[in-house]
């Protein structure tokens, strides 16, 4: 199959800065891919790296694709996918999967809508006002899920904030605490002792550094632990970790294996955003919907309200492409 590839850059700012243990995220940059077959079918992809090193690696790998008038074959793009950075591999795999009809068709028909997301609370003292606003707007008699970014400011301040959060949190809520690998073992165990046995705690997310397999296993023996950064650093752990896994498909590479795993009902996978446009977002929504149909449904981490509104976040990829502007 002969294919034409167009690439279009995009950039946008989050509605407010996101403070984590690893730094502050304020702006997202990446590229959109439009792949057209000789029969006129379209496949869409998005390259959405999270850090500068990944972004530069993707840009270098895409240089051959940016040459005007080049005709590609499926096998050539598959080879580029296998050799390139993970964020680029996602974009190519997503486009090829759509062209192959792995999602039902090459149009929006067959795409599933995301289930309700967990609510993302900001780090530090800003959590308190955000929590109050949220609790005043939801039906607290019904189940809902909160995620709070921790290990992002003074440890003692966060410890006091935790108690205020627990005092306000209704029994219907489920709480995820995301340390982004920012605790040492002593700090993490203090939180474990505080939270173990609380039925509202859904899991601790990446409580220790990405490489601390033994420490993470020890904590997981007492409270549920979801790995995130560990799975990015050690992809092989996805086959070994028996508790929850936070899966960020736009950072993992070719999405087709994950698509098949979720289609088969693989348990304890939770889908999470990298703050992508609507092209990556419809993949994330579809995968999250498949996860919700499995035996361990969990609210996806879509961070509602953290991306601005507008056509760049439409579920129609043609609208996203036009909104990105620039030269294809």
Protein backbone atom coordinates (compact mmCIF):
# COMPACT_ATOMS: atom_id res chain seq x y z
CA UNK A 1 0.00 0.00 0.00
CA UNK A 2 1.39 3.41 -1.01
CA UNK A 3 1.09 6.13 1.63
CA UNK A 4 1.60 9.87 1.79
CA UNK A 5 2.56 11.32 5.16
CA UNK A 6 1.99 14.90 6.27
CA UNK A 7 3.23 16.33 9.56
CA UNK A 8 1.92 19.40 11.33
CA UNK A 9 3.25 20.87 14.60
CA UNK A 10 1.05 22.06 17.44
CA UNK A 11 1.51 23.83 20.76
CA UNK A 12 -0.84 24.86 23.55
CA UNK A 13 -0.75 25.90 27.19
CA UNK A 14 -2.53 24.07 29.98
CA UNK A 15 -5.28 26.03 31.67
CA UNK A 16 -3.02 26.24 34.73
CA UNK A 17 0.46 24.94 35.55
CA UNK A 18 0.64 21.34 36.76
CA UNK A 19 3.06 20.93 39.67
CA UNK A 20 4.48 17.44 40.19
CA UNK A 21 7.43 15.92 42.01
CA UNK A 22 9.40 16.09 38.76
CA UNK A 23 8.71 19.73 37.93
CA UNK A 24 6.07 22.06 36.50
CA UNK A 25 4.24 21.34 33.26
CA UNK A 26 2.79 24.42 31.58
CA UNK A 27 2.90 23.88 27.81
CA UNK A 28 2.55 20.95 25.44
CA UNK A 29 4.23 20.65 22.06
CA UNK A 30 4.11 17.92 19.49
CA UNK A 31 3.15 16.95 15.96
CA UNK A 32 0.09 15.58 14.20
CA UNK A 33 0.39 12.95 11.47
CA UNK A 34 -1.97 12.60 8.53
CA UNK A 35 -1.38 9.41 6.53
CA UNK A 36 -3.30 8.94 3.28
CA UNK A 37 -3.38 5.74 1.27
CA UNK A 38 -3.49 5.56 -2.51
CA UNK A 39 -7.16 4.59 -2.14
CA UNK A 40 -7.90 7.84 -0.27
CA UNK A 41 -8.26 6.35 3.21
CA UNK A 42 -6.89 8.35 6.13
CA UNK A 43 -5.09 7.41 9.29
CA UNK A 44 -4.21 9.90 12.00
CA UNK A 45 -1.50 9.96 14.64
CA UNK A 46 -0.05 12.24 17.28
CA UNK A 47 3.51 12.61 18.55
CA UNK A 48 3.24 13.90 22.11
CA UNK A 49 6.58 13.61 23.98
CA UNK A 50 6.68 14.86 27.56
CA UNK A 51 10.24 16.17 27.89
CA UNK A 52 12.75 18.02 25.75
CA UNK A 53 14.98 15.00 25.18
CA UNK A 54 12.05 12.96 23.84
CA UNK A 55 10.88 15.88 21.72
CA UNK A 56 14.31 16.32 20.09
CA UNK A 57 14.61 12.57 19.45
CA UNK A 58 11.21 12.53 17.74
CA UNK A 59 12.05 15.58 15.65
CA UNK A 60 15.28 13.98 14.45
CA UNK A 61 13.52 10.71 13.63
CA UNK A 62 10.85 12.51 11.59
CA UNK A 63 13.27 14.32 9.27
CA UNK A 64 12.90 11.73 6.47
CA UNK A 65 9.11 11.96 6.77
CA UNK A 66 9.17 15.72 6.29
CA UNK A 67 10.60 15.59 2.77
CA UNK A 68 7.87 16.70 0.33
CA UNK A 69 6.49 14.29 -2.23
CA UNK A 70 7.91 11.09 -0.71
CA UNK A 71 5.77 7.98 -1.11
CA UNK A 72 5.96 5.46 1.72
CA UNK A 73 4.94 1.83 1.97
CA UNK A 74 3.38 0.21 4.99
CA UNK A 75 6.47 -1.90 5.58
CA UNK A 76 8.71 1.19 5.50
CA UNK A 77 6.60 2.93 8.13
CA UNK A 78 6.58 -0.25 10.21
CA UNK A 79 10.39 -0.28 10.15
CA UNK A 80 10.52 3.40 11.11
CA UNK A 81 8.09 2.67 13.93
CA UNK A 82 10.24 -0.17 15.26
CA UNK A 83 13.43 1.90 15.23
CA UNK A 84 12.09 5.27 16.38
CA UNK A 85 11.28 6.86 19.74
CA UNK A 86 8.20 5.59 21.57
CA UNK A 87 6.17 8.78 21.09
CA UNK A 88 6.68 8.59 17.33
CA UNK A 89 5.92 4.87 17.34
CA UNK A 90 2.54 5.64 18.90
CA UNK A 91 1.67 8.07 16.11
CA UNK A 92 2.69 5.68 13.34
CA UNK A 93 1.02 2.67 14.95
CA UNK A 94 -2.17 4.63 15.52
CA UNK A 95 -2.33 5.78 11.89
CA UNK A 96 -1.59 2.31 10.53
CA UNK A 97 -4.16 0.70 12.81
CA UNK A 98 -6.80 3.10 11.54
CA UNK A 99 -5.87 2.45 7.93
CA UNK A 100 -6.06 -1.30 8.56
CA UNK A 101 -9.54 -0.98 10.08
CA UNK A 102 -8.47 -2.30 13.51
CA UNK A 103 -10.94 0.09 15.15
CA UNK A 104 -13.90 -0.87 13.00
CA UNK A 105 -13.26 1.52 10.12
CA UNK A 106 -11.05 4.37 9.02
CA UNK A 107 -13.65 6.96 10.07
CA UNK A 108 -15.05 7.95 13.45
CA UNK A 109 -17.50 5.02 13.24
CA UNK A 110 -16.41 2.37 15.71
CA UNK A 111 -14.63 4.72 18.10
CA UNK A 112 -15.82 4.40 21.70
CA UNK A 113 -16.43 7.28 24.09
CA UNK A 114 -14.48 7.52 27.33
CA UNK A 115 -16.14 6.69 30.65
CA UNK A 116 -16.19 9.38 33.38
CA UNK A 117 -12.69 10.43 34.38
CA UNK A 118 -11.06 10.78 37.75
CA UNK A 119 -10.81 14.39 38.89
CA UNK A 120 -7.26 15.77 39.10
CA UNK A 121 -6.54 17.94 42.14
CA UNK A 122 -3.61 20.38 42.03
CA UNK A 123 -0.59 19.93 44.24
CA UNK A 124 0.01 21.78 47.49
CA UNK A 125 -2.34 24.15 49.24
CA UNK A 126 -4.28 24.80 46.02
CA UNK A 127 -5.79 21.36 46.56
CA UNK A 128 -8.04 22.64 49.35
CA UNK A 129 -10.05 25.13 47.30
CA UNK A 130 -10.21 22.76 44.35
CA UNK A 131 -11.54 20.02 46.62
CA UNK A 132 -14.18 22.29 48.10
CA UNK A 133 -15.37 23.37 44.65
CA UNK A 134 -15.50 19.79 43.48
CA UNK A 135 -17.40 18.48 46.49
CA UNK A 136 -19.96 21.26 46.06
CA UNK A 137 -20.54 20.28 42.43
CA UNK A 138 -20.80 16.48 42.58
CA UNK A 139 -23.39 14.15 44.09
CA UNK A 140 -21.40 12.82 47.03
CA UNK A 141 -23.77 9.88 47.45
CA UNK A 142 -22.55 8.47 44.12
CA UNK A 143 -19.08 6.98 43.48
CA UNK A 144 -16.40 9.27 42.08
CA UNK A 145 -12.61 9.24 41.94
CA UNK A 146 -10.04 11.87 42.93
CA UNK A 147 -6.35 12.04 42.15
CA UNK A 148 -4.04 14.29 44.13
CA UNK A 149 -0.46 15.11 43.11
CA UNK A 150 1.81 14.74 46.15
CA UNK A 151 5.56 14.88 46.86
CA UNK A 152 5.39 18.26 45.14
CA UNK A 153 5.90 20.65 48.09
CA UNK A 154 7.02 20.56 51.72
CA UNK A 155 6.40 17.09 53.14
CA UNK A 156 5.00 18.30 56.47
CA UNK A 157 2.66 20.71 54.70
CA UNK A 158 1.36 17.87 52.53
CA UNK A 159 0.92 15.71 55.61
CA UNK A 160 -1.38 18.33 57.15
CA UNK A 161 -3.23 18.78 53.87
CA UNK A 162 -3.80 15.03 53.71
CA UNK A 163 -5.63 15.04 57.02
CA UNK A 164 -7.91 17.84 55.83
CA UNK A 165 -8.62 15.94 52.63
CA UNK A 166 -9.46 12.74 54.52
CA UNK A 167 -11.74 14.63 56.89
CA UNK A 168 -13.80 15.98 53.96
CA UNK A 169 -13.75 12.94 51.70
CA UNK A 170 -17.09 11.08 51.65
CA UNK A 171 -17.29 7.31 51.80
CA UNK A 172 -18.39 7.22 48.15
CA UNK A 173 -15.07 8.66 46.95
CA UNK A 174 -12.01 6.79 45.79
CA UNK A 175 -8.62 8.46 46.25
CA UNK A 176 -5.43 8.10 44.23
CA UNK A 177 -2.27 9.73 45.54
CA UNK A 178 0.35 10.27 42.86
CA UNK A 179 3.90 10.88 44.12
CA UNK A 180 5.53 10.66 40.64
CA UNK A 181 8.42 8.78 42.28
CA UNK A 182 9.14 11.70 44.61
CA UNK A 183 9.17 9.94 48.01
CA UNK A 184 12.02 8.06 49.60
CA UNK A 185 11.20 4.85 51.44
CA UNK A 186 10.87 6.52 54.86
CA UNK A 187 8.44 9.14 53.56
CA UNK A 188 6.41 6.58 51.62
CA UNK A 189 6.04 4.27 54.62
CA UNK A 190 4.69 7.13 56.73
CA UNK A 191 1.85 7.54 54.21
CA UNK A 192 1.34 3.79 53.97
CA UNK A 193 0.85 3.50 57.73
CA UNK A 194 -1.62 6.38 57.63
CA UNK A 195 -3.66 5.08 54.71
CA UNK A 196 -3.58 1.30 54.98
CA UNK A 197 -7.04 -0.09 55.61
CA UNK A 198 -8.86 3.05 54.43
CA UNK A 199 -11.42 1.75 51.92
CA UNK A 200 -11.43 5.09 50.09
CA UNK A 201 -7.80 4.70 49.00
CA UNK A 202 -7.77 3.16 45.54
CA UNK A 203 -3.97 3.17 45.23
CA UNK A 204 -0.69 4.97 45.74
CA UNK A 205 0.70 5.86 42.34
CA UNK A 206 4.46 5.54 41.85
CA UNK A 207 5.27 6.12 45.55
CA UNK A 208 8.99 5.38 45.06
CA UNK A 209 11.62 5.96 42.40
CA UNK A 210 11.16 4.16 39.11
CA UNK A 211 14.00 1.68 39.75
CA UNK A 212 13.04 0.61 43.30
CA UNK A 213 11.40 -2.73 42.48
CA UNK A 214 11.90 -4.21 45.96
CA UNK A 215 10.56 -1.14 47.76
CA UNK A 216 7.52 -0.93 45.48
CA UNK A 217 6.73 -4.60 46.02
CA UNK A 218 6.98 -4.18 49.79
CA UNK A 219 4.49 -1.31 49.77
CA UNK A 220 2.16 -3.19 47.41
CA UNK A 221 1.93 -5.97 50.01
CA UNK A 222 0.07 -3.54 52.29
CA UNK A 223 -1.73 -1.06 50.03
CA UNK A 224 -2.54 -1.10 46.31
CA UNK A 225 0.27 0.42 44.23
CA UNK A 226 -0.02 1.60 40.63
CA UNK A 227 3.17 1.94 38.61
CA UNK A 228 3.63 4.72 36.05
CA UNK A 229 7.17 6.03 35.63
CA UNK A 230 8.55 2.56 36.39
CA UNK A 231 6.76 1.21 33.33
CA UNK A 232 8.21 3.96 31.15
CA UNK A 233 11.73 3.25 32.42
CA UNK A 234 11.34 -0.54 32.45
CA UNK A 235 8.79 -1.67 29.82
CA UNK A 236 9.47 -5.29 30.73
CA UNK A 237 7.90 -4.72 34.13
CA UNK A 238 4.51 -4.56 32.44
CA UNK A 239 4.63 -8.35 32.27
CA UNK A 240 5.80 -8.71 35.88
CA UNK A 241 3.87 -6.18 37.96
CA UNK A 242 0.72 -7.85 39.31
CA UNK A 243 -0.98 -4.80 40.80
CA UNK A 244 -2.29 -1.76 38.93
CA UNK A 245 -0.52 -0.21 35.96
CA UNK A 246 -0.97 3.36 34.74
CA UNK A 247 -0.74 3.14 30.99
CA UNK A 248 -0.02 6.29 29.01
CA UNK A 249 -0.36 5.06 25.44
CA UNK A 250 1.05 8.17 23.78
CA UNK A 251 4.37 7.55 25.55
CA UNK A 252 4.50 3.76 25.24
CA UNK A 253 4.97 3.21 21.53
CA UNK A 254 2.83 1.28 19.07
CA UNK A 255 -0.70 1.23 20.60
CA UNK A 256 -1.82 -1.92 18.80
CA UNK A 257 -0.58 -4.40 21.45
CA UNK A 258 -2.36 -2.43 24.18
CA UNK A 259 -5.48 -2.30 22.01
CA UNK A 260 -5.43 -6.09 21.74
CA UNK A 261 -4.74 -6.56 25.47
CA UNK A 262 -7.70 -4.40 26.43
CA UNK A 263 -9.88 -6.09 23.83
CA UNK A 264 -9.10 -9.39 25.55
CA UNK A 265 -9.95 -7.87 28.94
CA UNK A 266 -6.47 -7.73 30.50
CA UNK A 267 -7.07 -6.59 34.12
CA UNK A 268 -5.69 -3.77 36.30
CA UNK A 269 -4.71 -1.36 33.54
CA UNK A 270 -5.73 2.30 33.96
CA UNK A 271 -5.47 4.71 31.01
CA UNK A 272 -3.94 8.14 31.59
CA UNK A 273 -3.46 11.34 29.63
CA UNK A 274 -0.28 13.09 28.55
CA UNK A 275 -2.36 16.23 27.80
CA UNK A 276 -2.76 15.49 24.12
CA UNK A 277 -4.88 16.96 21.33
CA UNK A 278 -8.09 15.41 20.11
CA UNK A 279 -6.27 13.02 17.77
CA UNK A 280 -4.43 11.31 20.60
CA UNK A 281 -7.43 11.93 22.83
CA UNK A 282 -9.82 9.78 20.80
CA UNK A 283 -7.36 6.88 21.06
CA UNK A 284 -7.15 7.41 24.81
CA UNK A 285 -10.95 7.54 25.06
CA UNK A 286 -11.36 4.37 23.01
CA UNK A 287 -8.82 2.45 25.08
CA UNK A 288 -10.34 3.70 28.33
CA UNK A 289 -13.78 2.55 27.16
CA UNK A 290 -12.40 -0.92 26.44
CA UNK A 291 -10.83 -0.97 29.90
CA UNK A 292 -14.19 -0.09 31.47
CA UNK A 293 -15.74 -3.12 29.80
CA UNK A 294 -13.24 -5.49 31.43
CA UNK A 295 -13.30 -7.22 34.80
CA UNK A 296 -11.45 -4.43 36.68
CA UNK A 297 -13.02 -1.15 35.48
CA UNK A 298 -11.31 2.00 36.75
CA UNK A 299 -11.93 5.66 36.04
CA UNK A 300 -9.37 6.84 33.47
CA UNK A 301 -7.06 9.75 34.22
CA UNK A 302 -8.15 12.27 31.61
CA UNK A 303 -7.52 15.38 33.75
CA UNK A 304 -10.77 17.16 32.83
CA UNK A 305 -10.44 20.94 32.78
CA UNK A 306 -6.66 21.04 32.47
CA UNK A 307 -6.57 21.46 28.68
CA UNK A 308 -8.18 24.51 27.06
CA UNK A 309 -11.36 24.19 25.03
CA UNK A 310 -11.41 24.47 21.26
CA UNK A 311 -11.17 22.56 17.98
CA UNK A 312 -7.63 21.37 18.74
CA UNK A 313 -9.30 18.95 21.17
CA UNK A 314 -12.15 17.85 18.90
CA UNK A 315 -12.89 14.16 18.40
CA UNK A 316 -12.90 14.88 14.64
CA UNK A 317 -9.26 14.54 13.51
CA UNK A 318 -9.80 16.79 10.48
CA UNK A 319 -10.87 19.61 12.80
CA UNK A 320 -7.79 19.05 14.97
CA UNK A 321 -5.56 19.12 11.90
CA UNK A 322 -7.03 22.41 10.70
CA UNK A 323 -6.82 23.92 14.19
CA UNK A 324 -3.11 23.12 14.40
CA UNK A 325 -2.51 25.28 11.33
CA UNK A 326 0.91 25.54 9.78
CA UNK A 327 2.14 23.84 6.64
CA UNK A 328 1.50 20.11 6.18
